Structures are given as structure tokens and as C-alpha cells.
Amino acid sequence: MLYPFTGRDEATSLGQPHDSLTYLFQLTCVGATQDQAETVMDRARIALVGVTPSVSDRAAFPIYQAEVDRQVTRDDAATPPVHYGIAQFRFRSNPLT
């Protein structure tokens, strides 16, 4: 599951208060077993880290993994129980000049 956040504007000058944007998104990787959930997390990291997204009218920088990386946990509240892990990623973009 992909959970996008709204991102964070960063002022780089007084004339342009929202020049830069740091965009954060979270993946929740789910599997029937711990190994399945870990495999999904590993594949997500491989697919995302280092990729530069295409953002219309903006210069984007490569995606990197954020500091939050929740290890795979068993969820017994689900029926049947599942395993899930959470990883967050970020990238920055600036307006084209």
C-alpha cells in the first residue's frame, strides 16, 4: 500500500516562499509470512531508491529512503494474521528556472 504525504514546502528566498518541496511517501508491505513481507520490502527498496521521478515543470532529485524503517511485524488482529513492514521514502524537487 502506498501512503502519500502532502510534502513540505521550504523557503529558499523571501521572493519565492515555496521554491523547494520535499515529498515523503510511505509503503506498507504485507505478506502472509514474515519472509513474504520482507521480500516485498526489499523489492520496493530496489525499485525506488536512486530513481529520479519525473515532475512536470520541476527539477526532481533521486528518491532516497527516509529514517523510518519499521521491521516486519505480525498482525494478529487481521484474519488470517499477516505480517507487515513500513518503509518511508523522500525526494526533493525545485521549480525549473
PDB file of N, CA and C in Angstrom:
ATOM      1  N   MET A   1       0.835  -1.158   0.000  1.00  0.00           N
ATOM      2  CA  MET A   1       0.000   0.000   0.000  1.00  0.00           C
ATOM      3  C   MET A   1       0.885   1.227   0.000  1.00  0.00           C
ATOM      4  N   LEU A   2       0.508   2.214  -0.747  1.00  0.00           N
ATOM      5  CA  LEU A   2       1.253   3.464  -0.813  1.00  0.00           C
ATOM      6  C   LEU A   2       0.472   4.544  -0.094  1.00  0.00           C
ATOM      7  N   TYR A   3       1.119   5.203   0.845  1.00  0.00           N
ATOM      8  CA  TYR A   3       0.502   6.298   1.588  1.00  0.00           C
ATOM      9  C   TYR A   3       1.284   7.568   1.306  1.00  0.00           C
ATOM     10  N   PRO A   4       0.778   8.445   0.420  1.00  0.00           N
ATOM     11  CA  PRO A   4       1.480   9.706   0.167  1.00  0.00           C
ATOM     12  C   PRO A   4       1.200  10.723   1.268  1.00  0.00           C
ATOM     13  N   PHE A   5       2.187  11.514   1.581  1.00  0.00           N
ATOM     14  CA  PHE A   5       2.022  12.633   2.489  1.00  0.00           C
ATOM     15  C   PHE A   5       1.975  13.899   1.648  1.00  0.00           C
ATOM     16  N   THR A   6       1.613  15.009   2.231  1.00  0.00           N
ATOM     17  CA  THR A   6       1.439  16.243   1.456  1.00  0.00           C
ATOM     18  C   THR A   6       2.747  16.886   1.050  1.00  0.00           C
ATOM     19  N   GLY A   7       3.852  16.493   1.629  1.00  0.00           N
ATOM     20  CA  GLY A   7       5.126  17.123   1.320  1.00  0.00           C
ATOM     21  C   GLY A   7       5.334  18.336   2.190  1.00  0.00           C
ATOM     22  N   ARG A   8       6.502  18.948   2.041  1.00  0.00           N
ATOM     23  CA  ARG A   8       6.836  20.097   2.875  1.00  0.00           C
ATOM     24  C   ARG A   8       7.485  21.159   2.000  1.00  0.00           C
ATOM     25  N   ASP A   9       6.878  22.345   1.979  1.00  0.00           N
ATOM     26  CA  ASP A   9       7.462  23.471   1.262  1.00  0.00           C
ATOM     27  C   ASP A   9       8.628  24.010   2.066  1.00  0.00           C
ATOM     28  N   GLU A  10       9.662  24.443   1.350  1.00  0.00           N
ATOM     29  CA  GLU A  10      10.814  25.030   2.018  1.00  0.00           C
ATOM     30  C   GLU A  10      11.150  26.342   1.336  1.00  0.00           C
ATOM     31  N   ALA A  11      11.177  27.397   2.108  1.00  0.00           N
ATOM     32  CA  ALA A  11      11.519  28.709   1.562  1.00  0.00           C
ATOM     33  C   ALA A  11      13.014  28.776   1.292  1.00  0.00           C
ATOM     34  N   THR A  12      13.372  29.100   0.057  1.00  0.00           N
ATOM     35  CA  THR A  12      14.790  29.279  -0.251  1.00  0.00           C
ATOM     36  C   THR A  12      15.108  30.748  -0.494  1.00  0.00           C
ATOM     37  N   SER A  13      14.069  31.574  -0.619  1.00  0.00           N
ATOM     38  CA  SER A  13      14.260  33.014  -0.738  1.00  0.00           C
ATOM     39  C   SER A  13      12.995  33.702  -0.268  1.00  0.00           C
ATOM     40  N   LEU A  14      13.119  34.963   0.085  1.00  0.00           N
ATOM     41  CA  LEU A  14      11.935  35.714   0.524  1.00  0.00           C
ATOM     42  C   LEU A  14      10.971  35.975  -0.625  1.00  0.00           C
ATOM     43  N   GLY A  15      11.493  36.092  -1.857  1.00  0.00           N
ATOM     44  CA  GLY A  15      10.650  36.365  -3.005  1.00  0.00           C
ATOM     45  C   GLY A  15       9.859  35.153  -3.473  1.00  0.00           C
ATOM     46  N   GLN A  16      10.361  33.981  -3.240  1.00  0.00           N
ATOM     47  CA  GLN A  16       9.709  32.740  -3.652  1.00  0.00           C
ATOM     48  C   GLN A  16       9.572  31.844  -2.424  1.00  0.00           C
ATOM     49  N   PRO A  17       8.501  31.995  -1.651  1.00  0.00           N
ATOM     50  CA  PRO A  17       8.414  31.277  -0.383  1.00  0.00           C
ATOM     51  C   PRO A  17       8.293  29.760  -0.508  1.00  0.00           C
ATOM     52  N   HIS A  18       7.959  29.243  -1.681  1.00  0.00           N
ATOM     53  CA  HIS A  18       7.795  27.798  -1.807  1.00  0.00           C
ATOM     54  C   HIS A  18       8.577  27.269  -3.006  1.00  0.00           C
ATOM     55  N   ASP A  19       9.860  27.577  -3.020  1.00  0.00           N
ATOM     56  CA  ASP A  19      10.698  27.133  -4.127  1.00  0.00           C
ATOM     57  C   ASP A  19      10.883  25.627  -4.141  1.00  0.00           C
ATOM     58  N   SER A  20      11.236  25.058  -3.004  1.00  0.00           N
ATOM     59  CA  SER A  20      11.576  23.645  -2.923  1.00  0.00           C
ATOM     60  C   SER A  20      10.466  22.860  -2.246  1.00  0.00           C
ATOM     61  N   LEU A  21      10.373  21.601  -2.612  1.00  0.00           N
ATOM     62  CA  LEU A  21       9.411  20.708  -1.986  1.00  0.00           C
ATOM     63  C   LEU A  21      10.115  19.409  -1.660  1.00  0.00           C
ATOM     64  N   THR A  22       9.983  18.970  -0.418  1.00  0.00           N
ATOM     65  CA  THR A  22      10.437  17.639  -0.031  1.00  0.00           C
ATOM     66  C   THR A  22       9.192  16.784   0.100  1.00  0.00           C
ATOM     67  N   TYR A  23       9.118  15.731  -0.694  1.00  0.00           N
ATOM     68  CA  TYR A  23       7.931  14.886  -0.740  1.00  0.00           C
ATOM     69  C   TYR A  23       8.240  13.570  -0.029  1.00  0.00           C
ATOM     70  N   LEU A  24       7.364  13.186   0.885  1.00  0.00           N
ATOM     71  CA  LEU A  24       7.518  11.968   1.664  1.00  0.00           C
ATOM     72  C   LEU A  24       6.380  11.016   1.330  1.00  0.00           C
ATOM     73  N   PHE A  25       6.713   9.749   1.147  1.00  0.00           N
ATOM     74  CA  PHE A  25       5.662   8.756   0.990  1.00  0.00           C
ATOM     75  C   PHE A  25       6.071   7.479   1.714  1.00  0.00           C
ATOM     76  N   GLN A  26       5.072   6.703   2.068  1.00  0.00           N
ATOM     77  CA  GLN A  26       5.276   5.502   2.871  1.00  0.00           C
ATOM     78  C   GLN A  26       4.719   4.284   2.161  1.00  0.00           C
ATOM     79  N   LEU A  27       5.448   3.203   2.224  1.00  0.00           N
ATOM     80  CA  LEU A  27       4.962   1.925   1.724  1.00  0.00           C
ATOM     81  C   LEU A  27       4.724   0.998   2.903  1.00  0.00           C
ATOM     82  N   THR A  28       3.575   0.369   2.918  1.00  0.00           N
ATOM     83  CA  THR A  28       3.291  -0.685   3.883  1.00  0.00           C
ATOM     84  C   THR A  28       3.274  -1.982   3.091  1.00  0.00           C
ATOM     85  N   CYS A  29       4.233  -2.844   3.384  1.00  0.00           N
ATOM     86  CA  CYS A  29       4.418  -4.079   2.637  1.00  0.00           C
ATOM     87  C   CYS A  29       3.871  -5.241   3.458  1.00  0.00           C
ATOM     88  N   VAL A  30       2.946  -5.991   2.872  1.00  0.00           N
ATOM     89  CA  VAL A  30       2.215  -7.020   3.596  1.00  0.00           C
ATOM     90  C   VAL A  30       2.451  -8.379   2.948  1.00  0.00           C
ATOM     91  N   GLY A  31       2.562  -9.401   3.796  1.00  0.00           N
ATOM     92  CA  GLY A  31       2.693 -10.764   3.307  1.00  0.00           C
ATOM     93  C   GLY A  31       2.061 -11.742   4.281  1.00  0.00           C
ATOM     94  N   ALA A  32       1.775 -12.932   3.798  1.00  0.00           N
ATOM     95  CA  ALA A  32       1.201 -13.965   4.663  1.00  0.00           C
ATOM     96  C   ALA A  32       2.236 -14.476   5.663  1.00  0.00           C
ATOM     97  N   THR A  33       3.522 -14.367   5.283  1.00  0.00           N
ATOM     98  CA  THR A  33       4.601 -14.790   6.176  1.00  0.00           C
ATOM     99  C   THR A  33       5.591 -13.648   6.338  1.00  0.00           C
ATOM    100  N   GLN A  34       6.471 -13.760   7.317  1.00  0.00           N
ATOM    101  CA  GLN A  34       7.496 -12.745   7.513  1.00  0.00           C
ATOM    102  C   GLN A  34       8.401 -12.658   6.287  1.00  0.00           C
ATOM    103  N   ASP A  35       8.782 -13.800   5.735  1.00  0.00           N
ATOM    104  CA  ASP A  35       9.642 -13.807   4.542  1.00  0.00           C
ATOM    105  C   ASP A  35       8.983 -13.095   3.365  1.00  0.00           C
ATOM    106  N   GLN A  36       7.684 -13.307   3.161  1.00  0.00           N
ATOM    107  CA  GLN A  36       6.983 -12.637   2.060  1.00  0.00           C
ATOM    108  C   GLN A  36       6.991 -11.129   2.249  1.00  0.00           C
ATOM    109  N   ALA A  37       6.697 -10.650   3.449  1.00  0.00           N
ATOM    110  CA  ALA A  37       6.680  -9.206   3.705  1.00  0.00           C
ATOM    111  C   ALA A  37       8.077  -8.609   3.530  1.00  0.00           C
ATOM    112  N   GLU A  38       9.114  -9.299   3.999  1.00  0.00           N
ATOM    113  CA  GLU A  38      10.484  -8.813   3.833  1.00  0.00           C
ATOM    114  C   GLU A  38      10.884  -8.776   2.362  1.00  0.00           C
ATOM    115  N   THR A  39      10.440  -9.763   1.585  1.00  0.00           N
ATOM    116  CA  THR A  39      10.733  -9.787   0.154  1.00  0.00           C
ATOM    117  C   THR A  39      10.096  -8.596  -0.549  1.00  0.00           C
ATOM    118  N   VAL A  40       8.851  -8.291  -0.197  1.00  0.00           N
ATOM    119  CA  VAL A  40       8.172  -7.132  -0.797  1.00  0.00           C
ATOM    120  C   VAL A  40       8.908  -5.848  -0.433  1.00  0.00           C
ATOM    121  N   MET A  41       9.332  -5.703   0.823  1.00  0.00           N
ATOM    122  CA  MET A  41      10.075  -4.502   1.238  1.00  0.00           C
ATOM    123  C   MET A  41      11.386  -4.386   0.475  1.00  0.00           C
ATOM    124  N   ASP A  42      12.114  -5.491   0.333  1.00  0.00           N
ATOM    125  CA  ASP A  42      13.380  -5.467  -0.404  1.00  0.00           C
ATOM    126  C   ASP A  42      13.164  -5.065  -1.865  1.00  0.00           C
ATOM    127  N   ARG A  43      12.133  -5.618  -2.488  1.00  0.00           N
ATOM    128  CA  ARG A  43      11.846  -5.283  -3.894  1.00  0.00           C
ATOM    129  C   ARG A  43      11.444  -3.818  -4.051  1.00  0.00           C
ATOM    130  N   ALA A  44      10.694  -3.304  -3.087  1.00  0.00           N
ATOM    131  CA  ALA A  44      10.301  -1.890  -3.128  1.00  0.00           C
ATOM    132  C   ALA A  44      11.529  -0.992  -3.034  1.00  0.00           C
ATOM    133  N   ARG A  45      12.440  -1.305  -2.127  1.00  0.00           N
ATOM    134  CA  ARG A  45      13.675  -0.513  -1.987  1.00  0.00           C
ATOM    135  C   ARG A  45      14.473  -0.528  -3.286  1.00  0.00           C
ATOM    136  N   ILE A  46      14.630  -1.712  -3.853  1.00  0.00           N
ATOM    137  CA  ILE A  46      15.394  -1.843  -5.102  1.00  0.00           C
ATOM    138  C   ILE A  46      14.743  -1.034  -6.219  1.00  0.00           C
ATOM    139  N   ALA A  47      13.409  -1.064  -6.290  1.00  0.00           N
ATOM    140  CA  ALA A  47      12.683  -0.373  -7.362  1.00  0.00           C
ATOM    141  C   ALA A  47      12.695   1.145  -7.201  1.00  0.00           C
ATOM    142  N   LEU A  48      12.793   1.652  -5.963  1.00  0.00           N
ATOM    143  CA  LEU A  48      12.619   3.080  -5.725  1.00  0.00           C
ATOM    144  C   LEU A  48      13.913   3.861  -5.475  1.00  0.00           C
ATOM    145  N   VAL A  49      14.795   3.331  -4.653  1.00  0.00           N
ATOM    146  CA  VAL A  49      15.977   4.098  -4.233  1.00  0.00           C
ATOM    147  C   VAL A  49      16.859   4.411  -5.433  1.00  0.00           C
ATOM    148  N   GLY A  50      17.170   5.686  -5.588  1.00  0.00           N
ATOM    149  CA  GLY A  50      18.030   6.141  -6.680  1.00  0.00           C
ATOM    150  C   GLY A  50      17.299   6.542  -7.938  1.00  0.00           C
ATOM    151  N   VAL A  51      16.010   6.259  -8.019  1.00  0.00           N
ATOM    152  CA  VAL A  51      15.217   6.635  -9.197  1.00  0.00           C
ATOM    153  C   VAL A  51      14.861   8.117  -9.090  1.00  0.00           C
ATOM    154  N   THR A  52      15.000   8.831 -10.185  1.00  0.00           N
ATOM    155  CA  THR A  52      14.615  10.238 -10.222  1.00  0.00           C
ATOM    156  C   THR A  52      13.233  10.349 -10.845  1.00  0.00           C
ATOM    157  N   PRO A  53      12.234  10.782 -10.060  1.00  0.00           N
ATOM    158  CA  PRO A  53      10.883  10.890 -10.621  1.00  0.00           C
ATOM    159  C   PRO A  53      10.781  12.040 -11.626  1.00  0.00           C
ATOM    160  N   SER A  54       9.829  11.918 -12.512  1.00  0.00           N
ATOM    161  CA  SER A  54       9.550  12.973 -13.482  1.00  0.00           C
ATOM    162  C   SER A  54       8.412  13.832 -12.928  1.00  0.00           C
ATOM    163  N   VAL A  55       8.704  15.121 -12.708  1.00  0.00           N
ATOM    164  CA  VAL A  55       7.721  16.045 -12.153  1.00  0.00           C
ATOM    165  C   VAL A  55       7.600  17.220 -13.116  1.00  0.00           C
ATOM    166  N   SER A  56       6.405  17.431 -13.654  1.00  0.00           N
ATOM    167  CA  SER A  56       6.180  18.479 -14.640  1.00  0.00           C
ATOM    168  C   SER A  56       6.604  19.851 -14.105  1.00  0.00           C
ATOM    169  N   ASP A  57       7.393  20.562 -14.899  1.00  0.00           N
ATOM    170  CA  ASP A  57       7.860  21.924 -14.609  1.00  0.00           C
ATOM    171  C   ASP A  57       8.734  22.008 -13.357  1.00  0.00           C
ATOM    172  N   ARG A  58       9.320  20.897 -12.950  1.00  0.00           N
ATOM    173  CA  ARG A  58      10.180  20.902 -11.767  1.00  0.00           C
ATOM    174  C   ARG A  58      11.407  20.030 -12.019  1.00  0.00           C
ATOM    175  N   ALA A  59      12.497  20.358 -11.357  1.00  0.00           N
ATOM    176  CA  ALA A  59      13.693  19.525 -11.349  1.00  0.00           C
ATOM    177  C   ALA A  59      13.614  18.640 -10.117  1.00  0.00           C
ATOM    178  N   ALA A  60      13.596  17.347 -10.328  1.00  0.00           N
ATOM    179  CA  ALA A  60      13.492  16.411  -9.207  1.00  0.00           C
ATOM    180  C   ALA A  60      14.845  15.744  -8.965  1.00  0.00           C
ATOM    181  N   PHE A  61      15.023  15.289  -7.754  1.00  0.00           N
ATOM    182  CA  PHE A  61      16.243  14.607  -7.341  1.00  0.00           C
ATOM    183  C   PHE A  61      15.913  13.155  -7.008  1.00  0.00           C
ATOM    184  N   PRO A  62      16.911  12.281  -6.967  1.00  0.00           N
ATOM    185  CA  PRO A  62      16.648  10.856  -6.746  1.00  0.00           C
ATOM    186  C   PRO A  62      15.933  10.564  -5.416  1.00  0.00           C
ATOM    187  N   ILE A  63      15.139   9.525  -5.442  1.00  0.00           N
ATOM    188  CA  ILE A  63      14.429   9.052  -4.248  1.00  0.00           C
ATOM    189  C   ILE A  63      15.443   8.399  -3.309  1.00  0.00           C
ATOM    190  N   TYR A  64      15.277   8.669  -2.024  1.00  0.00           N
ATOM    191  CA  TYR A  64      16.112   8.010  -1.018  1.00  0.00           C
ATOM    192  C   TYR A  64      15.225   7.540   0.120  1.00  0.00           C
ATOM    193  N   GLN A  65      15.712   6.554   0.853  1.00  0.00           N
ATOM    194  CA  GLN A  65      14.932   6.021   1.961  1.00  0.00           C
ATOM    195  C   GLN A  65      15.067   6.933   3.168  1.00  0.00           C
ATOM    196  N   ALA A  66      13.932   7.240   3.785  1.00  0.00           N
ATOM    197  CA  ALA A  66      13.910   8.082   4.969  1.00  0.00           C
ATOM    198  C   ALA A  66      14.336   7.268   6.184  1.00  0.00           C
ATOM    199  N   GLU A  67      14.471   7.955   7.291  1.00  0.00           N
ATOM    200  CA  GLU A  67      14.969   7.316   8.503  1.00  0.00           C
ATOM    201  C   GLU A  67      14.007   6.289   9.098  1.00  0.00           C
ATOM    202  N   VAL A  68      12.716   6.371   8.770  1.00  0.00           N
ATOM    203  CA  VAL A  68      11.737   5.428   9.322  1.00  0.00           C
ATOM    204  C   VAL A  68      11.786   4.133   8.522  1.00  0.00           C
ATOM    205  N   ASP A  69      12.038   3.058   9.191  1.00  0.00           N
ATOM    206  CA  ASP A  69      12.047   1.740   8.562  1.00  0.00           C
ATOM    207  C   ASP A  69      11.608   0.755   9.628  1.00  0.00           C
ATOM    208  N   ARG A  70      10.339   0.462   9.655  1.00  0.00           N
ATOM    209  CA  ARG A  70       9.789  -0.435  10.671  1.00  0.00           C
ATOM    210  C   ARG A  70       9.982  -1.876  10.232  1.00  0.00           C
ATOM    211  N   GLN A  71      10.583  -2.643  11.092  1.00  0.00           N
ATOM    212  CA  GLN A  71      10.813  -4.047  10.802  1.00  0.00           C
ATOM    213  C   GLN A  71       9.474  -4.780  10.658  1.00  0.00           C
ATOM    214  N   VAL A  72       9.511  -5.908  10.004  1.00  0.00           N
ATOM    215  CA  VAL A  72       8.296  -6.681   9.770  1.00  0.00           C
ATOM    216  C   VAL A  72       7.708  -7.140  11.104  1.00  0.00           C
ATOM    217  N   THR A  73       6.404  -6.925  11.243  1.00  0.00           N
ATOM    218  CA  THR A  73       5.672  -7.240  12.468  1.00  0.00           C
ATOM    219  C   THR A  73       4.477  -8.110  12.118  1.00  0.00           C
ATOM    220  N   ARG A  74       4.158  -9.027  12.992  1.00  0.00           N
ATOM    221  CA  ARG A  74       2.974  -9.874  12.802  1.00  0.00           C
ATOM    222  C   ARG A  74       1.753  -9.134  13.328  1.00  0.00           C
ATOM    223  N   ASP A  75       0.672  -9.152  12.550  1.00  0.00           N
ATOM    224  CA  ASP A  75      -0.585  -8.519  12.946  1.00  0.00           C
ATOM    225  C   ASP A  75      -1.614  -9.619  13.198  1.00  0.00           C
ATOM    226  N   ASP A  76      -1.796  -9.945  14.468  1.00  0.00           N
ATOM    227  CA  ASP A  76      -2.756 -10.987  14.834  1.00  0.00           C
ATOM    228  C   ASP A  76      -4.194 -10.489  14.840  1.00  0.00           C
ATOM    229  N   ALA A  77      -4.395  -9.178  14.712  1.00  0.00           N
ATOM    230  CA  ALA A  77      -5.752  -8.638  14.673  1.00  0.00           C
ATOM    231  C   ALA A  77      -6.422  -8.909  13.325  1.00  0.00           C
ATOM    232  N   ALA A  78      -5.604  -9.144  12.305  1.00  0.00           N
ATOM    233  CA  ALA A  78      -6.150  -9.463  10.975  1.00  0.00           C
ATOM    234  C   ALA A  78      -6.537 -10.938  10.919  1.00  0.00           C
ATOM    235  N   THR A  79      -7.517 -11.247  10.082  1.00  0.00           N
ATOM    236  CA  THR A  79      -7.944 -12.631   9.900  1.00  0.00           C
ATOM    237  C   THR A  79      -7.817 -12.997   8.428  1.00  0.00           C
ATOM    238  N   PRO A  80      -6.939 -13.893   8.041  1.00  0.00           N
ATOM    239  CA  PRO A  80      -5.942 -14.549   8.891  1.00  0.00           C
ATOM    240  C   PRO A  80      -4.831 -13.562   9.236  1.00  0.00           C
ATOM    241  N   PRO A  81      -3.997 -13.889  10.246  1.00  0.00           N
ATOM    242  CA  PRO A  81      -2.894 -12.991  10.619  1.00  0.00           C
ATOM    243  C   PRO A  81      -1.972 -12.735   9.418  1.00  0.00           C
ATOM    244  N   VAL A  82      -1.426 -11.534   9.348  1.00  0.00           N
ATOM    245  CA  VAL A  82      -0.492 -11.160   8.285  1.00  0.00           C
ATOM    246  C   VAL A  82       0.758 -10.549   8.911  1.00  0.00           C
ATOM    247  N   HIS A  83       1.765 -10.382   8.107  1.00  0.00           N
ATOM    248  CA  HIS A  83       2.998  -9.724   8.516  1.00  0.00           C
ATOM    249  C   HIS A  83       3.130  -8.469   7.664  1.00  0.00           C
ATOM    250  N   TYR A  84       3.615  -7.383   8.274  1.00  0.00           N
ATOM    251  CA  TYR A  84       3.773  -6.142   7.517  1.00  0.00           C
ATOM    252  C   TYR A  84       5.003  -5.384   7.988  1.00  0.00           C
ATOM    253  N   GLY A  85       5.544  -4.611   7.072  1.00  0.00           N
ATOM    254  CA  GLY A  85       6.667  -3.727   7.369  1.00  0.00           C
ATOM    255  C   GLY A  85       6.394  -2.378   6.746  1.00  0.00           C
ATOM    256  N   ILE A  86       6.987  -1.346   7.313  1.00  0.00           N
ATOM    257  CA  ILE A  86       6.771   0.022   6.836  1.00  0.00           C
ATOM    258  C   ILE A  86       8.118   0.630   6.469  1.00  0.00           C
ATOM    259  N   ALA A  87       8.170   1.250   5.303  1.00  0.00           N
ATOM    260  CA  ALA A  87       9.359   1.975   4.864  1.00  0.00           C
ATOM    261  C   ALA A  87       8.908   3.318   4.293  1.00  0.00           C
ATOM    262  N   GLN A  88       9.640   4.377   4.633  1.00  0.00           N
ATOM    263  CA  GLN A  88       9.331   5.703   4.106  1.00  0.00           C
ATOM    264  C   GLN A  88      10.454   6.155   3.182  1.00  0.00           C
ATOM    265  N   PHE A  89      10.057   6.907   2.161  1.00  0.00           N
ATOM    266  CA  PHE A  89      10.983   7.394   1.153  1.00  0.00           C
ATOM    267  C   PHE A  89      10.733   8.883   0.931  1.00  0.00           C
ATOM    268  N   ARG A  90      11.739   9.574   0.429  1.00  0.00           N
ATOM    269  CA  ARG A  90      11.643  11.019   0.160  1.00  0.00           C
ATOM    270  C   ARG A  90      12.315  11.345  -1.178  1.00  0.00           C
ATOM    271  N   PHE A  91      11.881  12.469  -1.723  1.00  0.00           N
ATOM    272  CA  PHE A  91      12.641  13.105  -2.794  1.00  0.00           C
ATOM    273  C   PHE A  91      12.358  14.592  -2.754  1.00  0.00           C
ATOM    274  N   ARG A  92      13.273  15.347  -3.334  1.00  0.00           N
ATOM    275  CA  ARG A  92      13.136  16.811  -3.374  1.00  0.00           C
ATOM    276  C   ARG A  92      12.912  17.244  -4.816  1.00  0.00           C
ATOM    277  N   SER A  93      12.221  18.371  -4.942  1.00  0.00           N
ATOM    278  CA  SER A  93      12.096  18.972  -6.265  1.00  0.00           C
ATOM    279  C   SER A  93      12.132  20.486  -6.136  1.00  0.00           C
ATOM    280  N   ASN A  94      12.611  21.123  -7.197  1.00  0.00           N
ATOM    281  CA  ASN A  94      12.696  22.579  -7.282  1.00  0.00           C
ATOM    282  C   ASN A  94      12.047  23.008  -8.585  1.00  0.00           C
ATOM    283  N   PRO A  95      11.502  24.220  -8.619  1.00  0.00           N
ATOM    284  CA  PRO A  95      10.941  24.711  -9.886  1.00  0.00           C
ATOM    285  C   PRO A  95      12.038  24.860 -10.941  1.00  0.00           C
ATOM    286  N   LEU A  96      11.699  24.620 -12.195  1.00  0.00           N
ATOM    287  CA  LEU A  96      12.651  24.863 -13.266  1.00  0.00           C
ATOM    288  C   LEU A  96      12.871  26.364 -13.384  1.00  0.00           C
ATOM    289  N   THR A  97      14.102  26.737 -13.653  1.00  0.00           N
ATOM    290  CA  THR A  97      14.402  28.185 -13.785  1.00  0.00           C
ATOM    291  C   THR A  97      14.601  28.570 -15.209  1.00  0.00           C
TER     292      THR A  97
END
